[in-house]
Amino acid sequence: MADPEKLFKVNVVTPDGLIYSHRSSIIDMRAIDGQRSIMYNHVPLLTPLAIGDVKVKRSREMNQVVDHIAVSGGYIEFSNNVATIIADSAERARNIDVSRAQAAKERAEKRMKEAREKHDERSLERAQIALRRAVNRISVYNSKK
């Protein structure tokens, strides 16, 4: 008989509430200091996340489906086999409005151009962050295919 699969709980929370809650065998995400993976019984952890794709690999019973979630930073806390991601915004790939993300990308590119022309470093930085968020949402949306 095969060993039972070791699963842990993954929750993703935003100011709008709980947007994701499932059991997982492994999650991959990009922390501000590099790529991280967490499996069952990982040591306790609290680390800030970068704008990126959180990949949640589900159980064998779920055919090891990988759920993709676009997060715009935040934190991940792992203890007692529960991973909790707290983010300002997060969207599952299946819920991303790609045309809205594309429009946000174009707006950010326009704002970057205007900020460069005016030598406005603060506006340029904000536009670059908005661009990274939009590109991340588009990338996560495309990963579901």
N, C-alpha and C. Protein backbone atom coordinates (compact mmCIF):
# COMPACT_ATOMS: atom_id res chain seq x y z
N MET A 1 0.84 -1.18 0.00
CA MET A 1 0.00 0.00 0.00
C MET A 1 0.89 1.24 0.00
N ALA A 2 0.54 2.23 -0.81
CA ALA A 2 1.32 3.46 -0.93
C ALA A 2 1.18 4.30 0.33
N ASP A 3 2.25 5.04 0.62
CA ASP A 3 2.19 5.97 1.76
C ASP A 3 1.15 7.04 1.48
N PRO A 4 0.43 7.46 2.53
CA PRO A 4 -0.54 8.55 2.31
C PRO A 4 0.20 9.83 1.94
N GLU A 5 -0.42 10.60 1.07
CA GLU A 5 0.19 11.86 0.62
C GLU A 5 0.17 12.88 1.75
N LYS A 6 1.28 13.55 1.92
CA LYS A 6 1.40 14.57 2.98
C LYS A 6 0.94 15.91 2.41
N LEU A 7 -0.18 16.40 2.91
CA LEU A 7 -0.76 17.64 2.43
C LEU A 7 -0.84 18.67 3.55
N PHE A 8 -0.82 19.92 3.16
CA PHE A 8 -1.00 21.01 4.12
C PHE A 8 -2.00 22.01 3.54
N LYS A 9 -2.52 22.85 4.39
CA LYS A 9 -3.54 23.83 4.01
C LYS A 9 -2.88 25.09 3.45
N VAL A 10 -3.45 25.65 2.38
CA VAL A 10 -2.99 26.91 1.78
C VAL A 10 -4.18 27.87 1.75
N ASN A 11 -4.01 29.03 2.36
CA ASN A 11 -5.03 30.08 2.34
C ASN A 11 -4.42 31.35 1.76
N VAL A 12 -5.17 32.03 0.90
CA VAL A 12 -4.75 33.32 0.37
C VAL A 12 -5.83 34.33 0.75
N VAL A 13 -5.38 35.38 1.44
CA VAL A 13 -6.30 36.37 1.99
C VAL A 13 -5.91 37.76 1.47
N THR A 14 -6.92 38.54 1.08
CA THR A 14 -6.73 39.93 0.67
C THR A 14 -7.67 40.79 1.52
N PRO A 15 -7.62 42.10 1.39
CA PRO A 15 -8.59 42.93 2.12
C PRO A 15 -10.04 42.59 1.76
N ASP A 16 -10.26 41.98 0.60
CA ASP A 16 -11.61 41.57 0.20
C ASP A 16 -12.04 40.25 0.82
N GLY A 17 -11.14 39.57 1.52
CA GLY A 17 -11.48 38.31 2.16
C GLY A 17 -10.64 37.15 1.64
N LEU A 18 -11.09 35.95 1.98
CA LEU A 18 -10.41 34.72 1.57
C LEU A 18 -10.68 34.48 0.09
N ILE A 19 -9.62 34.40 -0.72
CA ILE A 19 -9.83 34.17 -2.15
C ILE A 19 -9.41 32.76 -2.58
N TYR A 20 -8.71 32.04 -1.69
CA TYR A 20 -8.25 30.70 -2.04
C TYR A 20 -8.05 29.91 -0.77
N SER A 21 -8.51 28.64 -0.78
CA SER A 21 -8.31 27.76 0.36
C SER A 21 -8.40 26.31 -0.12
N HIS A 22 -7.23 25.64 -0.16
CA HIS A 22 -7.18 24.24 -0.60
C HIS A 22 -6.03 23.55 0.10
N ARG A 23 -5.96 22.24 -0.07
CA ARG A 23 -4.85 21.46 0.44
C ARG A 23 -3.83 21.29 -0.69
N SER A 24 -2.56 21.22 -0.32
CA SER A 24 -1.50 21.19 -1.31
C SER A 24 -0.39 20.25 -0.89
N SER A 25 0.35 19.77 -1.89
CA SER A 25 1.54 18.97 -1.61
C SER A 25 2.80 19.84 -1.65
N ILE A 26 2.75 20.94 -2.43
CA ILE A 26 3.88 21.87 -2.51
C ILE A 26 3.39 23.20 -3.08
N ILE A 27 3.97 24.29 -2.59
CA ILE A 27 3.70 25.60 -3.19
C ILE A 27 5.04 26.24 -3.54
N ASP A 28 5.04 26.93 -4.67
CA ASP A 28 6.22 27.67 -5.13
C ASP A 28 5.83 29.13 -5.24
N MET A 29 6.71 30.02 -4.79
CA MET A 29 6.45 31.44 -4.89
C MET A 29 7.76 32.19 -4.94
N ARG A 30 7.67 33.46 -5.29
CA ARG A 30 8.87 34.30 -5.35
C ARG A 30 8.85 35.24 -4.15
N ALA A 31 9.78 35.02 -3.24
CA ALA A 31 9.96 35.93 -2.11
C ALA A 31 10.85 37.07 -2.59
N ILE A 32 10.97 38.13 -1.79
CA ILE A 32 11.79 39.25 -2.24
C ILE A 32 13.26 38.87 -2.34
N ASP A 33 13.67 37.79 -1.67
CA ASP A 33 15.07 37.36 -1.74
C ASP A 33 15.28 36.13 -2.62
N GLY A 34 14.27 35.76 -3.42
CA GLY A 34 14.44 34.65 -4.34
C GLY A 34 13.28 33.67 -4.31
N GLN A 35 13.38 32.65 -5.14
CA GLN A 35 12.34 31.64 -5.27
C GLN A 35 12.29 30.76 -4.03
N ARG A 36 11.09 30.41 -3.58
CA ARG A 36 10.90 29.54 -2.41
C ARG A 36 9.89 28.46 -2.74
N SER A 37 10.08 27.30 -2.12
CA SER A 37 9.12 26.20 -2.20
C SER A 37 8.86 25.72 -0.78
N ILE A 38 7.63 25.33 -0.53
CA ILE A 38 7.25 24.84 0.79
C ILE A 38 6.52 23.52 0.62
N MET A 39 6.90 22.55 1.44
CA MET A 39 6.25 21.25 1.47
C MET A 39 5.79 20.96 2.90
N TYR A 40 5.09 19.87 3.05
CA TYR A 40 4.60 19.42 4.36
C TYR A 40 5.74 19.41 5.37
N ASN A 41 5.47 19.87 6.58
CA ASN A 41 6.41 19.91 7.71
C ASN A 41 7.60 20.85 7.50
N HIS A 42 7.47 21.82 6.62
CA HIS A 42 8.52 22.84 6.45
C HIS A 42 8.70 23.58 7.77
N VAL A 43 9.90 24.07 8.02
CA VAL A 43 10.12 24.84 9.25
C VAL A 43 9.25 26.08 9.21
N PRO A 44 8.85 26.61 10.37
CA PRO A 44 8.05 27.84 10.38
C PRO A 44 8.78 28.96 9.63
N LEU A 45 7.98 29.79 8.97
CA LEU A 45 8.53 30.79 8.07
C LEU A 45 7.60 31.99 8.01
N LEU A 46 8.19 33.17 7.95
CA LEU A 46 7.45 34.41 7.67
C LEU A 46 8.34 35.22 6.77
N THR A 47 7.90 35.48 5.53
CA THR A 47 8.75 36.19 4.59
C THR A 47 7.90 37.04 3.65
N PRO A 48 8.42 38.20 3.24
CA PRO A 48 7.71 39.04 2.27
C PRO A 48 7.80 38.45 0.86
N LEU A 49 6.73 38.63 0.11
CA LEU A 49 6.67 38.12 -1.26
C LEU A 49 6.86 39.25 -2.26
N ALA A 50 7.42 38.91 -3.41
CA ALA A 50 7.54 39.84 -4.53
C ALA A 50 6.28 39.71 -5.39
N ILE A 51 6.09 40.64 -6.30
CA ILE A 51 5.02 40.51 -7.29
C ILE A 51 5.34 39.25 -8.09
N GLY A 52 4.40 38.33 -8.18
CA GLY A 52 4.69 37.11 -8.89
C GLY A 52 3.56 36.11 -8.89
N ASP A 53 3.88 34.93 -9.39
CA ASP A 53 2.96 33.81 -9.53
C ASP A 53 3.18 32.84 -8.37
N VAL A 54 2.12 32.56 -7.63
CA VAL A 54 2.18 31.52 -6.60
C VAL A 54 1.57 30.27 -7.22
N LYS A 55 2.36 29.19 -7.24
CA LYS A 55 1.90 27.93 -7.82
C LYS A 55 1.59 26.97 -6.69
N VAL A 56 0.35 26.49 -6.66
CA VAL A 56 -0.09 25.55 -5.63
C VAL A 56 -0.37 24.21 -6.29
N LYS A 57 0.48 23.22 -5.99
CA LYS A 57 0.29 21.88 -6.56
C LYS A 57 -0.64 21.10 -5.64
N ARG A 58 -1.74 20.66 -6.21
CA ARG A 58 -2.76 19.96 -5.45
C ARG A 58 -2.40 18.49 -5.28
N SER A 59 -3.27 17.73 -4.68
CA SER A 59 -3.01 16.33 -4.34
C SER A 59 -3.09 15.39 -5.55
N ARG A 60 -2.60 14.18 -5.34
CA ARG A 60 -2.71 13.14 -6.39
C ARG A 60 -4.17 12.91 -6.75
N GLU A 61 -5.06 12.95 -5.74
CA GLU A 61 -6.48 12.74 -5.98
C GLU A 61 -7.06 13.80 -6.90
N MET A 62 -6.44 14.98 -6.93
CA MET A 62 -6.87 16.07 -7.81
C MET A 62 -6.02 16.07 -9.09
N ASN A 63 -5.39 14.93 -9.39
CA ASN A 63 -4.52 14.78 -10.57
C ASN A 63 -3.37 15.78 -10.56
N GLN A 64 -2.95 16.15 -9.38
CA GLN A 64 -1.84 17.08 -9.17
C GLN A 64 -1.98 18.36 -9.99
N VAL A 65 -3.20 18.85 -10.06
CA VAL A 65 -3.49 20.12 -10.72
C VAL A 65 -2.65 21.20 -10.07
N VAL A 66 -2.18 22.16 -10.87
CA VAL A 66 -1.44 23.29 -10.32
C VAL A 66 -2.31 24.53 -10.48
N ASP A 67 -2.65 25.16 -9.36
CA ASP A 67 -3.39 26.41 -9.38
C ASP A 67 -2.38 27.56 -9.41
N HIS A 68 -2.62 28.55 -10.27
CA HIS A 68 -1.75 29.72 -10.36
C HIS A 68 -2.50 30.91 -9.79
N ILE A 69 -1.81 31.66 -8.94
CA ILE A 69 -2.40 32.84 -8.30
C ILE A 69 -1.44 34.01 -8.48
N ALA A 70 -1.94 35.10 -9.06
CA ALA A 70 -1.14 36.32 -9.23
C ALA A 70 -1.23 37.11 -7.93
N VAL A 71 -0.08 37.37 -7.29
CA VAL A 71 -0.06 38.19 -6.08
C VAL A 71 0.78 39.44 -6.34
N SER A 72 0.37 40.51 -5.70
CA SER A 72 1.11 41.77 -5.85
C SER A 72 1.86 42.05 -4.56
N GLY A 73 2.74 41.13 -4.22
CA GLY A 73 3.49 41.28 -2.98
C GLY A 73 2.70 40.72 -1.82
N GLY A 74 3.07 41.11 -0.63
CA GLY A 74 2.43 40.61 0.57
C GLY A 74 3.40 39.77 1.38
N TYR A 75 2.85 38.87 2.18
CA TYR A 75 3.65 38.01 3.06
C TYR A 75 3.11 36.59 3.00
N ILE A 76 4.01 35.63 3.26
CA ILE A 76 3.58 34.25 3.48
C ILE A 76 4.05 33.85 4.87
N GLU A 77 3.15 33.22 5.60
CA GLU A 77 3.48 32.68 6.92
C GLU A 77 3.16 31.20 6.86
N PHE A 78 4.11 30.38 7.31
CA PHE A 78 3.90 28.94 7.35
C PHE A 78 4.22 28.44 8.74
N SER A 79 3.27 27.76 9.35
CA SER A 79 3.50 27.07 10.62
C SER A 79 2.39 26.04 10.82
N ASN A 80 2.73 24.97 11.53
CA ASN A 80 1.77 23.90 11.82
C ASN A 80 1.05 23.41 10.56
N ASN A 81 1.80 23.32 9.46
CA ASN A 81 1.28 22.82 8.18
C ASN A 81 0.09 23.63 7.65
N VAL A 82 0.16 24.94 7.87
CA VAL A 82 -0.78 25.87 7.27
C VAL A 82 0.03 27.02 6.67
N ALA A 83 -0.16 27.24 5.37
CA ALA A 83 0.48 28.37 4.69
C ALA A 83 -0.58 29.43 4.48
N THR A 84 -0.31 30.63 4.97
CA THR A 84 -1.23 31.74 4.80
C THR A 84 -0.52 32.86 4.07
N ILE A 85 -1.08 33.24 2.93
CA ILE A 85 -0.55 34.36 2.16
C ILE A 85 -1.50 35.53 2.37
N ILE A 86 -0.92 36.64 2.80
CA ILE A 86 -1.69 37.87 2.98
C ILE A 86 -1.16 38.87 1.97
N ALA A 87 -2.02 39.31 1.05
CA ALA A 87 -1.60 40.19 -0.03
C ALA A 87 -2.60 41.33 -0.20
N ASP A 88 -2.10 42.47 -0.69
CA ASP A 88 -3.00 43.59 -1.00
C ASP A 88 -3.97 43.18 -2.09
N SER A 89 -3.46 42.44 -3.08
CA SER A 89 -4.33 41.91 -4.12
C SER A 89 -3.80 40.56 -4.58
N ALA A 90 -4.71 39.69 -4.94
CA ALA A 90 -4.37 38.35 -5.44
C ALA A 90 -5.54 37.87 -6.28
N GLU A 91 -5.22 37.20 -7.39
CA GLU A 91 -6.26 36.67 -8.27
C GLU A 91 -5.86 35.31 -8.79
N ARG A 92 -6.79 34.39 -8.76
CA ARG A 92 -6.56 33.09 -9.40
C ARG A 92 -6.52 33.31 -10.90
N ALA A 93 -5.74 32.50 -11.60
CA ALA A 93 -5.59 32.64 -13.05
C ALA A 93 -6.95 32.63 -13.74
N ARG A 94 -7.83 31.76 -13.30
CA ARG A 94 -9.14 31.65 -13.97
C ARG A 94 -10.02 32.87 -13.77
N ASN A 95 -9.70 33.72 -12.80
CA ASN A 95 -10.52 34.91 -12.52
C ASN A 95 -9.95 36.20 -13.10
N ILE A 96 -8.79 36.11 -13.74
CA ILE A 96 -8.15 37.33 -14.26
C ILE A 96 -8.84 37.79 -15.53
N ASP A 97 -9.18 39.06 -15.57
CA ASP A 97 -9.73 39.70 -16.77
C ASP A 97 -8.54 40.19 -17.58
N VAL A 98 -8.13 39.40 -18.58
CA VAL A 98 -6.89 39.69 -19.30
C VAL A 98 -6.99 40.98 -20.10
N SER A 99 -8.16 41.35 -20.59
CA SER A 99 -8.28 42.61 -21.33
C SER A 99 -8.09 43.79 -20.39
N ARG A 100 -8.58 43.67 -19.17
CA ARG A 100 -8.36 44.71 -18.16
C ARG A 100 -6.88 44.80 -17.78
N ALA A 101 -6.22 43.67 -17.66
CA ALA A 101 -4.79 43.65 -17.35
C ALA A 101 -3.98 44.26 -18.49
N GLN A 102 -4.38 43.97 -19.73
CA GLN A 102 -3.68 44.54 -20.89
C GLN A 102 -3.85 46.06 -20.91
N ALA A 103 -5.05 46.55 -20.59
CA ALA A 103 -5.29 48.00 -20.54
C ALA A 103 -4.44 48.64 -19.44
N ALA A 104 -4.32 47.96 -18.29
CA ALA A 104 -3.48 48.48 -17.19
C ALA A 104 -2.02 48.53 -17.62
N LYS A 105 -1.59 47.54 -18.38
CA LYS A 105 -0.21 47.53 -18.89
C LYS A 105 0.04 48.72 -19.79
N GLU A 106 -0.89 48.96 -20.70
CA GLU A 106 -0.74 50.09 -21.63
C GLU A 106 -0.74 51.43 -20.89
N ARG A 107 -1.61 51.57 -19.88
CA ARG A 107 -1.64 52.81 -19.08
C ARG A 107 -0.32 53.01 -18.35
N ALA A 108 0.22 51.95 -17.79
CA ALA A 108 1.48 52.04 -17.06
C ALA A 108 2.62 52.43 -17.99
N GLU A 109 2.64 51.84 -19.18
CA GLU A 109 3.69 52.19 -20.15
C GLU A 109 3.60 53.67 -20.55
N LYS A 110 2.37 54.16 -20.72
CA LYS A 110 2.16 55.57 -21.06
C LYS A 110 2.64 56.47 -19.92
N ARG A 111 2.28 56.10 -18.68
CA ARG A 111 2.71 56.89 -17.52
C ARG A 111 4.23 56.88 -17.35
N MET A 112 4.86 55.76 -17.68
CA MET A 112 6.32 55.68 -17.59
C MET A 112 6.96 56.65 -18.59
N LYS A 113 6.42 56.67 -19.80
CA LYS A 113 6.96 57.56 -20.83
C LYS A 113 6.82 59.03 -20.39
N GLU A 114 5.63 59.38 -19.87
CA GLU A 114 5.40 60.76 -19.42
C GLU A 114 6.32 61.12 -18.25
N ALA A 115 6.50 60.19 -17.32
CA ALA A 115 7.36 60.45 -16.15
C ALA A 115 8.81 60.65 -16.59
N ARG A 116 9.26 59.88 -17.56
CA ARG A 116 10.63 60.05 -18.07
C ARG A 116 10.81 61.42 -18.72
N GLU A 117 9.81 61.83 -19.50
CA GLU A 117 9.88 63.14 -20.16
C GLU A 117 9.94 64.28 -19.15
N LYS A 118 9.24 64.12 -18.02
CA LYS A 118 9.21 65.15 -16.98
C LYS A 118 10.31 64.96 -15.93
N HIS A 119 11.09 63.90 -16.06
CA HIS A 119 12.13 63.55 -15.08
C HIS A 119 11.53 63.41 -13.68
N ASP A 120 10.36 62.79 -13.61
CA ASP A 120 9.64 62.59 -12.34
C ASP A 120 9.91 61.17 -11.85
N GLU A 121 10.93 61.03 -11.00
CA GLU A 121 11.36 59.70 -10.53
C GLU A 121 10.27 58.98 -9.74
N ARG A 122 9.55 59.71 -8.91
CA ARG A 122 8.51 59.08 -8.07
C ARG A 122 7.39 58.50 -8.95
N SER A 123 6.93 59.27 -9.92
CA SER A 123 5.88 58.77 -10.83
C SER A 123 6.40 57.62 -11.68
N LEU A 124 7.66 57.69 -12.08
CA LEU A 124 8.26 56.61 -12.85
C LEU A 124 8.27 55.32 -12.04
N GLU A 125 8.66 55.41 -10.79
CA GLU A 125 8.70 54.22 -9.93
C GLU A 125 7.31 53.62 -9.76
N ARG A 126 6.30 54.45 -9.51
CA ARG A 126 4.93 53.94 -9.36
C ARG A 126 4.44 53.27 -10.65
N ALA A 127 4.77 53.88 -11.80
CA ALA A 127 4.36 53.31 -13.08
C ALA A 127 5.06 51.98 -13.34
N GLN A 128 6.33 51.87 -12.94
CA GLN A 128 7.06 50.61 -13.12
C GLN A 128 6.43 49.49 -12.29
N ILE A 129 6.01 49.81 -11.07
CA ILE A 129 5.34 48.82 -10.22
C ILE A 129 4.01 48.41 -10.84
N ALA A 130 3.24 49.38 -11.33
CA ALA A 130 1.97 49.07 -11.98
C ALA A 130 2.19 48.19 -13.21
N LEU A 131 3.25 48.47 -13.94
CA LEU A 131 3.57 47.65 -15.11
C LEU A 131 3.91 46.22 -14.70
N ARG A 132 4.72 46.04 -13.65
CA ARG A 132 5.07 44.69 -13.19
C ARG A 132 3.81 43.92 -12.76
N ARG A 133 2.89 44.61 -12.08
CA ARG A 133 1.65 43.95 -11.65
C ARG A 133 0.82 43.51 -12.85
N ALA A 134 0.69 44.39 -13.84
CA ALA A 134 -0.11 44.06 -15.02
C ALA A 134 0.52 42.91 -15.81
N VAL A 135 1.84 42.97 -16.01
CA VAL A 135 2.54 41.91 -16.74
C VAL A 135 2.41 40.59 -15.98
N ASN A 136 2.50 40.63 -14.66
CA ASN A 136 2.34 39.41 -13.85
C ASN A 136 0.95 38.82 -14.04
N ARG A 137 -0.08 39.66 -14.00
CA ARG A 137 -1.45 39.16 -14.17
C ARG A 137 -1.62 38.51 -15.55
N ILE A 138 -1.06 39.13 -16.59
CA ILE A 138 -1.15 38.57 -17.94
C ILE A 138 -0.41 37.23 -18.00
N SER A 139 0.77 37.18 -17.41
CA SER A 139 1.56 35.96 -17.40
C SER A 139 0.86 34.83 -16.66
N VAL A 140 0.28 35.13 -15.51
CA VAL A 140 -0.42 34.11 -14.73
C VAL A 140 -1.66 33.64 -15.49
N TYR A 141 -2.37 34.56 -16.12
CA TYR A 141 -3.52 34.18 -16.93
C TYR A 141 -3.11 33.21 -18.03
N ASN A 142 -2.00 33.51 -18.71
CA ASN A 142 -1.52 32.65 -19.79
C ASN A 142 -1.01 31.30 -19.29
N SER A 143 -0.62 31.19 -18.03
CA SER A 143 -0.10 29.93 -17.48
C SER A 143 -1.18 28.88 -17.33
N LYS A 144 -2.43 29.30 -17.29
CA LYS A 144 -3.52 28.32 -17.10
C LYS A 144 -3.80 27.51 -18.35
N LYS A 145 -3.24 27.93 -19.46
CA LYS A 145 -3.50 27.23 -20.74
C LYS A 145 -2.67 25.99 -20.88
